[in-house]
Amino acid sequence: MTETGELEEQKNAEMKNLDFILDIPLQLTVELGRTKLLVKDILQLNQGAVVELSKLAGEPLDVFVNSKLVARGEAVVINDKFGIRLVDIVSPNERVEKAL
């Protein structure tokens, strides 16, 4: 087999491997903020209650894929639905540091 033929065969095998993982479902979550409450405080919540979160207004929102931080973004409205515009992708090094 020629070198070109071997490279093409390898490329086809890589594409099959990539196709295999492209249909794997992942959970994407956008976190507005966090807080800790006591059970008694949660039981006293009612309609109209306001819960203060850890993030400041205007601060980038965290984007998680399968509970791993992968990006930060800002909230947007698209056709009366919320969306997120990514403003920063977390580097692989930063992802490893967060995992430790």
PDB file of N, CA and C in Angstrom:
ATOM      1  N   MET A   1       0.844  -1.169   0.000  1.00  0.00           N
ATOM      2  CA  MET A   1       0.000   0.000   0.000  1.00  0.00           C
ATOM      3  C   MET A   1       0.892   1.234   0.000  1.00  0.00           C
ATOM      4  N   THR A   2       0.489   2.269  -0.722  1.00  0.00           N
ATOM      5  CA  THR A   2       1.271   3.499  -0.791  1.00  0.00           C
ATOM      6  C   THR A   2       1.095   4.302   0.483  1.00  0.00           C
ATOM      7  N   GLU A   3       2.006   5.241   0.672  1.00  0.00           N
ATOM      8  CA  GLU A   3       1.931   6.094   1.860  1.00  0.00           C
ATOM      9  C   GLU A   3       0.652   6.919   1.840  1.00  0.00           C
ATOM     10  N   THR A   4       0.243   7.390   0.677  1.00  0.00           N
ATOM     11  CA  THR A   4      -0.992   8.157   0.546  1.00  0.00           C
ATOM     12  C   THR A   4      -2.189   7.300   0.924  1.00  0.00           C
ATOM     13  N   GLY A   5      -2.209   6.048   0.486  1.00  0.00           N
ATOM     14  CA  GLY A   5      -3.292   5.135   0.827  1.00  0.00           C
ATOM     15  C   GLY A   5      -3.375   4.867   2.315  1.00  0.00           C
ATOM     16  N   GLU A   6      -2.224   4.729   2.967  1.00  0.00           N
ATOM     17  CA  GLU A   6      -2.190   4.496   4.403  1.00  0.00           C
ATOM     18  C   GLU A   6      -2.712   5.712   5.157  1.00  0.00           C
ATOM     19  N   LEU A   7      -2.326   6.916   4.707  1.00  0.00           N
ATOM     20  CA  LEU A   7      -2.804   8.135   5.364  1.00  0.00           C
ATOM     21  C   LEU A   7      -4.315   8.288   5.216  1.00  0.00           C
ATOM     22  N   GLU A   8      -4.829   7.959   4.036  1.00  0.00           N
ATOM     23  CA  GLU A   8      -6.270   8.058   3.808  1.00  0.00           C
ATOM     24  C   GLU A   8      -7.027   7.054   4.669  1.00  0.00           C
ATOM     25  N   GLU A   9      -6.482   5.848   4.780  1.00  0.00           N
ATOM     26  CA  GLU A   9      -7.106   4.824   5.612  1.00  0.00           C
ATOM     27  C   GLU A   9      -7.113   5.249   7.081  1.00  0.00           C
ATOM     28  N   GLN A  10      -6.010   5.839   7.529  1.00  0.00           N
ATOM     29  CA  GLN A  10      -5.920   6.315   8.913  1.00  0.00           C
ATOM     30  C   GLN A  10      -6.922   7.451   9.147  1.00  0.00           C
ATOM     31  N   LYS A  11      -7.037   8.349   8.168  1.00  0.00           N
ATOM     32  CA  LYS A  11      -7.979   9.463   8.285  1.00  0.00           C
ATOM     33  C   LYS A  11      -9.411   8.945   8.370  1.00  0.00           C
ATOM     34  N   ASN A  12      -9.771   7.948   7.560  1.00  0.00           N
ATOM     35  CA  ASN A  12     -11.103   7.362   7.600  1.00  0.00           C
ATOM     36  C   ASN A  12     -11.381   6.717   8.960  1.00  0.00           C
ATOM     37  N   ALA A  13     -10.394   6.026   9.513  1.00  0.00           N
ATOM     38  CA  ALA A  13     -10.552   5.404  10.833  1.00  0.00           C
ATOM     39  C   ALA A  13     -10.767   6.467  11.905  1.00  0.00           C
ATOM     40  N   GLU A  14     -10.031   7.578  11.830  1.00  0.00           N
ATOM     41  CA  GLU A  14     -10.192   8.672  12.796  1.00  0.00           C
ATOM     42  C   GLU A  14     -11.573   9.296  12.681  1.00  0.00           C
ATOM     43  N   MET A  15     -12.095   9.453  11.466  1.00  0.00           N
ATOM     44  CA  MET A  15     -13.425  10.021  11.258  1.00  0.00           C
ATOM     45  C   MET A  15     -14.495   9.102  11.848  1.00  0.00           C
ATOM     46  N   LYS A  16     -14.326   7.792  11.709  1.00  0.00           N
ATOM     47  CA  LYS A  16     -15.278   6.848  12.293  1.00  0.00           C
ATOM     48  C   LYS A  16     -15.264   6.970  13.808  1.00  0.00           C
ATOM     49  N   ASN A  17     -14.076   7.098  14.398  1.00  0.00           N
ATOM     50  CA  ASN A  17     -13.968   7.277  15.843  1.00  0.00           C
ATOM     51  C   ASN A  17     -14.640   8.569  16.276  1.00  0.00           C
ATOM     52  N   LEU A  18     -14.444   9.641  15.516  1.00  0.00           N
ATOM     53  CA  LEU A  18     -15.053  10.925  15.841  1.00  0.00           C
ATOM     54  C   LEU A  18     -16.565  10.837  15.701  1.00  0.00           C
ATOM     55  N   ASP A  19     -17.052  10.208  14.636  1.00  0.00           N
ATOM     56  CA  ASP A  19     -18.489  10.041  14.440  1.00  0.00           C
ATOM     57  C   ASP A  19     -19.107   9.280  15.609  1.00  0.00           C
ATOM     58  N   PHE A  20     -18.375   8.350  16.160  1.00  0.00           N
ATOM     59  CA  PHE A  20     -18.863   7.546  17.271  1.00  0.00           C
ATOM     60  C   PHE A  20     -19.178   8.407  18.490  1.00  0.00           C
ATOM     61  N   ILE A  21     -18.351   9.406  18.769  1.00  0.00           N
ATOM     62  CA  ILE A  21     -18.561  10.214  19.975  1.00  0.00           C
ATOM     63  C   ILE A  21     -19.433  11.444  19.745  1.00  0.00           C
ATOM     64  N   LEU A  22     -19.681  11.829  18.490  1.00  0.00           N
ATOM     65  CA  LEU A  22     -20.452  13.044  18.227  1.00  0.00           C
ATOM     66  C   LEU A  22     -21.899  12.950  18.694  1.00  0.00           C
ATOM     67  N   ASP A  23     -22.454  11.759  18.816  1.00  0.00           N
ATOM     68  CA  ASP A  23     -23.845  11.595  19.228  1.00  0.00           C
ATOM     69  C   ASP A  23     -24.007  11.281  20.712  1.00  0.00           C
ATOM     70  N   ILE A  24     -22.953  11.405  21.486  1.00  0.00           N
ATOM     71  CA  ILE A  24     -23.050  11.161  22.926  1.00  0.00           C
ATOM     72  C   ILE A  24     -23.688  12.382  23.576  1.00  0.00           C
ATOM     73  N   PRO A  25     -24.804  12.201  24.298  1.00  0.00           N
ATOM     74  CA  PRO A  25     -25.457  13.352  24.935  1.00  0.00           C
ATOM     75  C   PRO A  25     -24.666  13.834  26.154  1.00  0.00           C
ATOM     76  N   LEU A  26     -24.572  15.141  26.297  1.00  0.00           N
ATOM     77  CA  LEU A  26     -23.908  15.771  27.433  1.00  0.00           C
ATOM     78  C   LEU A  26     -24.875  16.751  28.081  1.00  0.00           C
ATOM     79  N   GLN A  27     -24.738  16.961  29.381  1.00  0.00           N
ATOM     80  CA  GLN A  27     -25.589  17.901  30.100  1.00  0.00           C
ATOM     81  C   GLN A  27     -24.852  19.226  30.218  1.00  0.00           C
ATOM     82  N   LEU A  28     -25.447  20.282  29.666  1.00  0.00           N
ATOM     83  CA  LEU A  28     -24.885  21.623  29.769  1.00  0.00           C
ATOM     84  C   LEU A  28     -25.703  22.394  30.795  1.00  0.00           C
ATOM     85  N   THR A  29     -25.014  22.984  31.778  1.00  0.00           N
ATOM     86  CA  THR A  29     -25.662  23.735  32.847  1.00  0.00           C
ATOM     87  C   THR A  29     -25.011  25.111  32.944  1.00  0.00           C
ATOM     88  N   VAL A  30     -25.836  26.130  33.116  1.00  0.00           N
ATOM     89  CA  VAL A  30     -25.335  27.486  33.327  1.00  0.00           C
ATOM     90  C   VAL A  30     -25.704  27.879  34.749  1.00  0.00           C
ATOM     91  N   GLU A  31     -24.704  28.282  35.516  1.00  0.00           N
ATOM     92  CA  GLU A  31     -24.928  28.596  36.928  1.00  0.00           C
ATOM     93  C   GLU A  31     -24.967  30.103  37.137  1.00  0.00           C
ATOM     94  N   LEU A  32     -26.087  30.565  37.661  1.00  0.00           N
ATOM     95  CA  LEU A  32     -26.286  31.975  37.949  1.00  0.00           C
ATOM     96  C   LEU A  32     -25.567  32.371  39.236  1.00  0.00           C
ATOM     97  N   GLY A  33     -25.503  31.485  40.191  1.00  0.00           N
ATOM     98  CA  GLY A  33     -24.849  31.747  41.471  1.00  0.00           C
ATOM     99  C   GLY A  33     -25.183  30.643  42.446  1.00  0.00           C
ATOM    100  N   ARG A  34     -24.629  30.757  43.651  1.00  0.00           N
ATOM    101  CA  ARG A  34     -24.851  29.752  44.694  1.00  0.00           C
ATOM    102  C   ARG A  34     -25.068  30.443  46.033  1.00  0.00           C
ATOM    103  N   THR A  35     -25.685  29.710  46.933  1.00  0.00           N
ATOM    104  CA  THR A  35     -25.806  30.157  48.313  1.00  0.00           C
ATOM    105  C   THR A  35     -26.068  28.942  49.189  1.00  0.00           C
ATOM    106  N   LYS A  36     -25.887  29.101  50.469  1.00  0.00           N
ATOM    107  CA  LYS A  36     -26.206  28.040  51.426  1.00  0.00           C
ATOM    108  C   LYS A  36     -27.307  28.562  52.337  1.00  0.00           C
ATOM    109  N   LEU A  37     -28.297  27.721  52.552  1.00  0.00           N
ATOM    110  CA  LEU A  37     -29.407  28.067  53.436  1.00  0.00           C
ATOM    111  C   LEU A  37     -29.634  26.933  54.419  1.00  0.00           C
ATOM    112  N   LEU A  38     -30.160  27.278  55.579  1.00  0.00           N
ATOM    113  CA  LEU A  38     -30.566  26.273  56.551  1.00  0.00           C
ATOM    114  C   LEU A  38     -31.913  25.700  56.134  1.00  0.00           C
ATOM    115  N   VAL A  39     -32.192  24.500  56.559  1.00  0.00           N
ATOM    116  CA  VAL A  39     -33.467  23.859  56.230  1.00  0.00           C
ATOM    117  C   VAL A  39     -34.625  24.749  56.676  1.00  0.00           C
ATOM    118  N   LYS A  40     -34.527  25.331  57.876  1.00  0.00           N
ATOM    119  CA  LYS A  40     -35.633  26.170  58.369  1.00  0.00           C
ATOM    120  C   LYS A  40     -35.848  27.386  57.472  1.00  0.00           C
ATOM    121  N   ASP A  41     -34.755  27.929  56.886  1.00  0.00           N
ATOM    122  CA  ASP A  41     -34.898  29.074  55.987  1.00  0.00           C
ATOM    123  C   ASP A  41     -35.559  28.669  54.671  1.00  0.00           C
ATOM    124  N   ILE A  42     -35.214  27.495  54.175  1.00  0.00           N
ATOM    125  CA  ILE A  42     -35.827  26.997  52.938  1.00  0.00           C
ATOM    126  C   ILE A  42     -37.314  26.747  53.148  1.00  0.00           C
ATOM    127  N   LEU A  43     -37.680  26.209  54.312  1.00  0.00           N
ATOM    128  CA  LEU A  43     -39.085  25.930  54.601  1.00  0.00           C
ATOM    129  C   LEU A  43     -39.912  27.213  54.723  1.00  0.00           C
ATOM    130  N   GLN A  44     -39.259  28.336  55.004  1.00  0.00           N
ATOM    131  CA  GLN A  44     -39.966  29.606  55.139  1.00  0.00           C
ATOM    132  C   GLN A  44     -40.072  30.369  53.816  1.00  0.00           C
ATOM    133  N   LEU A  45     -39.452  29.854  52.758  1.00  0.00           N
ATOM    134  CA  LEU A  45     -39.544  30.522  51.461  1.00  0.00           C
ATOM    135  C   LEU A  45     -40.977  30.458  50.944  1.00  0.00           C
ATOM    136  N   ASN A  46     -41.407  31.538  50.311  1.00  0.00           N
ATOM    137  CA  ASN A  46     -42.720  31.541  49.681  1.00  0.00           C
ATOM    138  C   ASN A  46     -42.635  32.348  48.390  1.00  0.00           C
ATOM    139  N   GLN A  47     -43.725  32.367  47.662  1.00  0.00           N
ATOM    140  CA  GLN A  47     -43.751  33.069  46.388  1.00  0.00           C
ATOM    141  C   GLN A  47     -43.367  34.531  46.596  1.00  0.00           C
ATOM    142  N   GLY A  48     -42.448  35.006  45.771  1.00  0.00           N
ATOM    143  CA  GLY A  48     -41.981  36.387  45.873  1.00  0.00           C
ATOM    144  C   GLY A  48     -40.739  36.555  46.736  1.00  0.00           C
ATOM    145  N   ALA A  49     -40.319  35.482  47.421  1.00  0.00           N
ATOM    146  CA  ALA A  49     -39.117  35.566  48.247  1.00  0.00           C
ATOM    147  C   ALA A  49     -37.902  35.787  47.358  1.00  0.00           C
ATOM    148  N   VAL A  50     -36.917  36.493  47.887  1.00  0.00           N
ATOM    149  CA  VAL A  50     -35.683  36.760  47.158  1.00  0.00           C
ATOM    150  C   VAL A  50     -34.542  36.057  47.886  1.00  0.00           C
ATOM    151  N   VAL A  51     -33.761  35.289  47.128  1.00  0.00           N
ATOM    152  CA  VAL A  51     -32.606  34.577  47.685  1.00  0.00           C
ATOM    153  C   VAL A  51     -31.354  35.203  47.090  1.00  0.00           C
ATOM    154  N   GLU A  52     -30.492  35.728  47.941  1.00  0.00           N
ATOM    155  CA  GLU A  52     -29.256  36.358  47.480  1.00  0.00           C
ATOM    156  C   GLU A  52     -28.248  35.282  47.076  1.00  0.00           C
ATOM    157  N   LEU A  53     -27.627  35.482  45.913  1.00  0.00           N
ATOM    158  CA  LEU A  53     -26.648  34.527  45.396  1.00  0.00           C
ATOM    159  C   LEU A  53     -25.242  35.093  45.528  1.00  0.00           C
ATOM    160  N   SER A  54     -24.254  34.236  45.336  1.00  0.00           N
ATOM    161  CA  SER A  54     -22.859  34.603  45.548  1.00  0.00           C
ATOM    162  C   SER A  54     -22.284  35.510  44.456  1.00  0.00           C
ATOM    163  N   LYS A  55     -22.833  35.478  43.255  1.00  0.00           N
ATOM    164  CA  LYS A  55     -22.276  36.256  42.151  1.00  0.00           C
ATOM    165  C   LYS A  55     -22.817  37.672  42.146  1.00  0.00           C
ATOM    166  N   LEU A  56     -21.994  38.593  41.673  1.00  0.00           N
ATOM    167  CA  LEU A  56     -22.404  39.987  41.531  1.00  0.00           C
ATOM    168  C   LEU A  56     -23.134  40.171  40.208  1.00  0.00           C
ATOM    169  N   ALA A  57     -24.032  41.135  40.151  1.00  0.00           N
ATOM    170  CA  ALA A  57     -24.732  41.448  38.901  1.00  0.00           C
ATOM    171  C   ALA A  57     -23.698  41.832  37.846  1.00  0.00           C
ATOM    172  N   GLY A  58     -23.834  41.282  36.653  1.00  0.00           N
ATOM    173  CA  GLY A  58     -22.908  41.576  35.564  1.00  0.00           C
ATOM    174  C   GLY A  58     -21.688  40.675  35.519  1.00  0.00           C
ATOM    175  N   GLU A  59     -21.483  39.882  36.560  1.00  0.00           N
ATOM    176  CA  GLU A  59     -20.351  38.957  36.586  1.00  0.00           C
ATOM    177  C   GLU A  59     -20.633  37.798  35.624  1.00  0.00           C
ATOM    178  N   PRO A  60     -19.607  37.278  34.930  1.00  0.00           N
ATOM    179  CA  PRO A  60     -19.840  36.174  33.990  1.00  0.00           C
ATOM    180  C   PRO A  60     -20.456  34.958  34.678  1.00  0.00           C
ATOM    181  N   LEU A  61     -21.335  34.272  33.942  1.00  0.00           N
ATOM    182  CA  LEU A  61     -21.973  33.061  34.435  1.00  0.00           C
ATOM    183  C   LEU A  61     -21.094  31.863  34.101  1.00  0.00           C
ATOM    184  N   ASP A  62     -21.065  30.878  34.982  1.00  0.00           N
ATOM    185  CA  ASP A  62     -20.266  29.671  34.753  1.00  0.00           C
ATOM    186  C   ASP A  62     -21.051  28.687  33.897  1.00  0.00           C
ATOM    187  N   VAL A  63     -20.356  28.086  32.915  1.00  0.00           N
ATOM    188  CA  VAL A  63     -20.957  27.087  32.031  1.00  0.00           C
ATOM    189  C   VAL A  63     -20.277  25.750  32.319  1.00  0.00           C
ATOM    190  N   PHE A  64     -21.095  24.760  32.676  1.00  0.00           N
ATOM    191  CA  PHE A  64     -20.587  23.434  33.012  1.00  0.00           C
ATOM    192  C   PHE A  64     -21.064  22.426  31.984  1.00  0.00           C
ATOM    193  N   VAL A  65     -20.207  21.476  31.626  1.00  0.00           N
ATOM    194  CA  VAL A  65     -20.601  20.323  30.828  1.00  0.00           C
ATOM    195  C   VAL A  65     -20.331  19.103  31.691  1.00  0.00           C
ATOM    196  N   ASN A  66     -21.398  18.364  31.977  1.00  0.00           N
ATOM    197  CA  ASN A  66     -21.303  17.215  32.886  1.00  0.00           C
ATOM    198  C   ASN A  66     -20.584  17.576  34.178  1.00  0.00           C
ATOM    199  N   SER A  67     -20.994  18.687  34.774  1.00  0.00           N
ATOM    200  CA  SER A  67     -20.495  19.177  36.069  1.00  0.00           C
ATOM    201  C   SER A  67     -19.053  19.668  36.040  1.00  0.00           C
ATOM    202  N   LYS A  68     -18.460  19.830  34.865  1.00  0.00           N
ATOM    203  CA  LYS A  68     -17.085  20.349  34.751  1.00  0.00           C
ATOM    204  C   LYS A  68     -17.140  21.741  34.137  1.00  0.00           C
ATOM    205  N   LEU A  69     -16.503  22.708  34.780  1.00  0.00           N
ATOM    206  CA  LEU A  69     -16.466  24.075  34.275  1.00  0.00           C
ATOM    207  C   LEU A  69     -15.709  24.117  32.950  1.00  0.00           C
ATOM    208  N   VAL A  70     -16.360  24.612  31.896  1.00  0.00           N
ATOM    209  CA  VAL A  70     -15.713  24.665  30.586  1.00  0.00           C
ATOM    210  C   VAL A  70     -15.679  26.069  29.996  1.00  0.00           C
ATOM    211  N   ALA A  71     -16.546  26.975  30.485  1.00  0.00           N
ATOM    212  CA  ALA A  71     -16.585  28.312  29.899  1.00  0.00           C
ATOM    213  C   ALA A  71     -17.287  29.274  30.847  1.00  0.00           C
ATOM    214  N   ARG A  72     -17.227  30.553  30.478  1.00  0.00           N
ATOM    215  CA  ARG A  72     -17.969  31.598  31.181  1.00  0.00           C
ATOM    216  C   ARG A  72     -18.679  32.425  30.116  1.00  0.00           C
ATOM    217  N   GLY A  73     -19.823  32.966  30.487  1.00  0.00           N
ATOM    218  CA  GLY A  73     -20.574  33.717  29.491  1.00  0.00           C
ATOM    219  C   GLY A  73     -21.509  34.716  30.113  1.00  0.00           C
ATOM    220  N   GLU A  74     -22.293  35.364  29.245  1.00  0.00           N
ATOM    221  CA  GLU A  74     -23.261  36.354  29.701  1.00  0.00           C
ATOM    222  C   GLU A  74     -24.642  35.973  29.193  1.00  0.00           C
ATOM    223  N   ALA A  75     -25.650  36.260  30.001  1.00  0.00           N
ATOM    224  CA  ALA A  75     -27.021  35.915  29.640  1.00  0.00           C
ATOM    225  C   ALA A  75     -27.500  36.807  28.504  1.00  0.00           C
ATOM    226  N   VAL A  76     -28.247  36.218  27.574  1.00  0.00           N
ATOM    227  CA  VAL A  76     -28.872  36.945  26.478  1.00  0.00           C
ATOM    228  C   VAL A  76     -30.301  36.421  26.329  1.00  0.00           C
ATOM    229  N   VAL A  77     -31.133  37.191  25.647  1.00  0.00           N
ATOM    230  CA  VAL A  77     -32.500  36.767  25.357  1.00  0.00           C
ATOM    231  C   VAL A  77     -32.619  36.580  23.854  1.00  0.00           C
ATOM    232  N   ILE A  78     -33.093  35.401  23.441  1.00  0.00           N
ATOM    233  CA  ILE A  78     -33.262  35.067  22.033  1.00  0.00           C
ATOM    234  C   ILE A  78     -34.683  34.541  21.850  1.00  0.00           C
ATOM    235  N   ASN A  79     -35.502  35.263  21.084  1.00  0.00           N
ATOM    236  CA  ASN A  79     -36.892  34.838  20.848  1.00  0.00           C
ATOM    237  C   ASN A  79     -37.625  34.528  22.155  1.00  0.00           C
ATOM    238  N   ASP A  80     -37.541  35.425  23.119  1.00  0.00           N
ATOM    239  CA  ASP A  80     -38.201  35.290  24.426  1.00  0.00           C
ATOM    240  C   ASP A  80     -37.685  34.127  25.268  1.00  0.00           C
ATOM    241  N   LYS A  81     -36.533  33.578  24.926  1.00  0.00           N
ATOM    242  CA  LYS A  81     -35.911  32.518  25.730  1.00  0.00           C
ATOM    243  C   LYS A  81     -34.526  32.995  26.154  1.00  0.00           C
ATOM    244  N   PHE A  82     -34.084  32.495  27.296  1.00  0.00           N
ATOM    245  CA  PHE A  82     -32.731  32.810  27.745  1.00  0.00           C
ATOM    246  C   PHE A  82     -31.716  32.008  26.950  1.00  0.00           C
ATOM    247  N   GLY A  83     -30.573  32.610  26.731  1.00  0.00           N
ATOM    248  CA  GLY A  83     -29.444  31.943  26.108  1.00  0.00           C
ATOM    249  C   GLY A  83     -28.184  32.426  26.791  1.00  0.00           C
ATOM    250  N   ILE A  84     -27.054  31.942  26.337  1.00  0.00           N
ATOM    251  CA  ILE A  84     -25.785  32.400  26.899  1.00  0.00           C
ATOM    252  C   ILE A  84     -24.798  32.640  25.772  1.00  0.00           C
ATOM    253  N   ARG A  85     -24.141  33.772  25.842  1.00  0.00           N
ATOM    254  CA  ARG A  85     -23.074  34.107  24.890  1.00  0.00           C
ATOM    255  C   ARG A  85     -21.755  33.809  25.594  1.00  0.00           C
ATOM    256  N   LEU A  86     -20.982  32.896  25.023  1.00  0.00           N
ATOM    257  CA  LEU A  86     -19.708  32.518  25.638  1.00  0.00           C
ATOM    258  C   LEU A  86     -18.697  33.647  25.444  1.00  0.00           C
ATOM    259  N   VAL A  87     -18.062  34.038  26.529  1.00  0.00           N
ATOM    260  CA  VAL A  87     -17.066  35.106  26.470  1.00  0.00           C
ATOM    261  C   VAL A  87     -15.670  34.611  26.816  1.00  0.00           C
ATOM    262  N   ASP A  88     -15.593  33.419  27.417  1.00  0.00           N
ATOM    263  CA  ASP A  88     -14.286  32.883  27.804  1.00  0.00           C
ATOM    264  C   ASP A  88     -14.380  31.358  27.871  1.00  0.00           C
ATOM    265  N   ILE A  89     -13.475  30.676  27.204  1.00  0.00           N
ATOM    266  CA  ILE A  89     -13.389  29.221  27.285  1.00  0.00           C
ATOM    267  C   ILE A  89     -12.293  28.891  28.294  1.00  0.00           C
ATOM    268  N   VAL A  90     -12.597  28.033  29.237  1.00  0.00           N
ATOM    269  CA  VAL A  90     -11.637  27.664  30.278  1.00  0.00           C
ATOM    270  C   VAL A  90     -10.540  26.809  29.656  1.00  0.00           C
ATOM    271  N   SER A  91      -9.303  27.157  29.920  1.00  0.00           N
ATOM    272  CA  SER A  91      -8.173  26.408  29.366  1.00  0.00           C
ATOM    273  C   SER A  91      -8.108  25.018  29.987  1.00  0.00           C
ATOM    274  N   PRO A  92      -7.548  24.057  29.265  1.00  0.00           N
ATOM    275  CA  PRO A  92      -7.395  22.707  29.832  1.00  0.00           C
ATOM    276  C   PRO A  92      -6.621  22.733  31.160  1.00  0.00           C
ATOM    277  N   ASN A  93      -5.620  23.602  31.282  1.00  0.00           N
ATOM    278  CA  ASN A  93      -4.850  23.684  32.532  1.00  0.00           C
ATOM    279  C   ASN A  93      -5.732  24.147  33.677  1.00  0.00           C
ATOM    280  N   GLU A  94      -6.576  25.149  33.422  1.00  0.00           N
ATOM    281  CA  GLU A  94      -7.476  25.651  34.459  1.00  0.00           C
ATOM    282  C   GLU A  94      -8.495  24.586  34.858  1.00  0.00           C
ATOM    283  N   ARG A  95      -8.968  23.789  33.898  1.00  0.00           N
ATOM    284  CA  ARG A  95      -9.911  22.712  34.199  1.00  0.00           C
ATOM    285  C   ARG A  95      -9.280  21.690  35.122  1.00  0.00           C
ATOM    286  N   VAL A  96      -8.011  21.356  34.863  1.00  0.00           N
ATOM    287  CA  VAL A  96      -7.298  20.385  35.717  1.00  0.00           C
ATOM    288  C   VAL A  96      -7.121  20.950  37.109  1.00  0.00           C
ATOM    289  N   GLU A  97      -6.753  22.241  37.225  1.00  0.00           N
ATOM    290  CA  GLU A  97      -6.558  22.862  38.520  1.00  0.00           C
ATOM    291  C   GLU A  97      -7.853  22.860  39.327  1.00  0.00           C
ATOM    292  N   LYS A  98      -8.991  23.127  38.672  1.00  0.00           N
ATOM    293  CA  LYS A  98     -10.292  23.135  39.364  1.00  0.00           C
ATOM    294  C   LYS A  98     -10.658  21.734  39.854  1.00  0.00           C
ATOM    295  N   ALA A  99     -10.220  20.703  39.121  1.00  0.00           N
ATOM    296  CA  ALA A  99     -10.562  19.328  39.483  1.00  0.00           C
ATOM    297  C   ALA A  99      -9.782  18.863  40.709  1.00  0.00           C
ATOM    298  N   LEU A 100      -8.627  19.473  40.965  1.00  0.00           N
ATOM    299  CA  LEU A 100      -7.788  19.030  42.094  1.00  0.00           C
ATOM    300  C   LEU A 100      -8.261  19.571  43.405  1.00  0.00           C
TER     301      LEU A 100
END
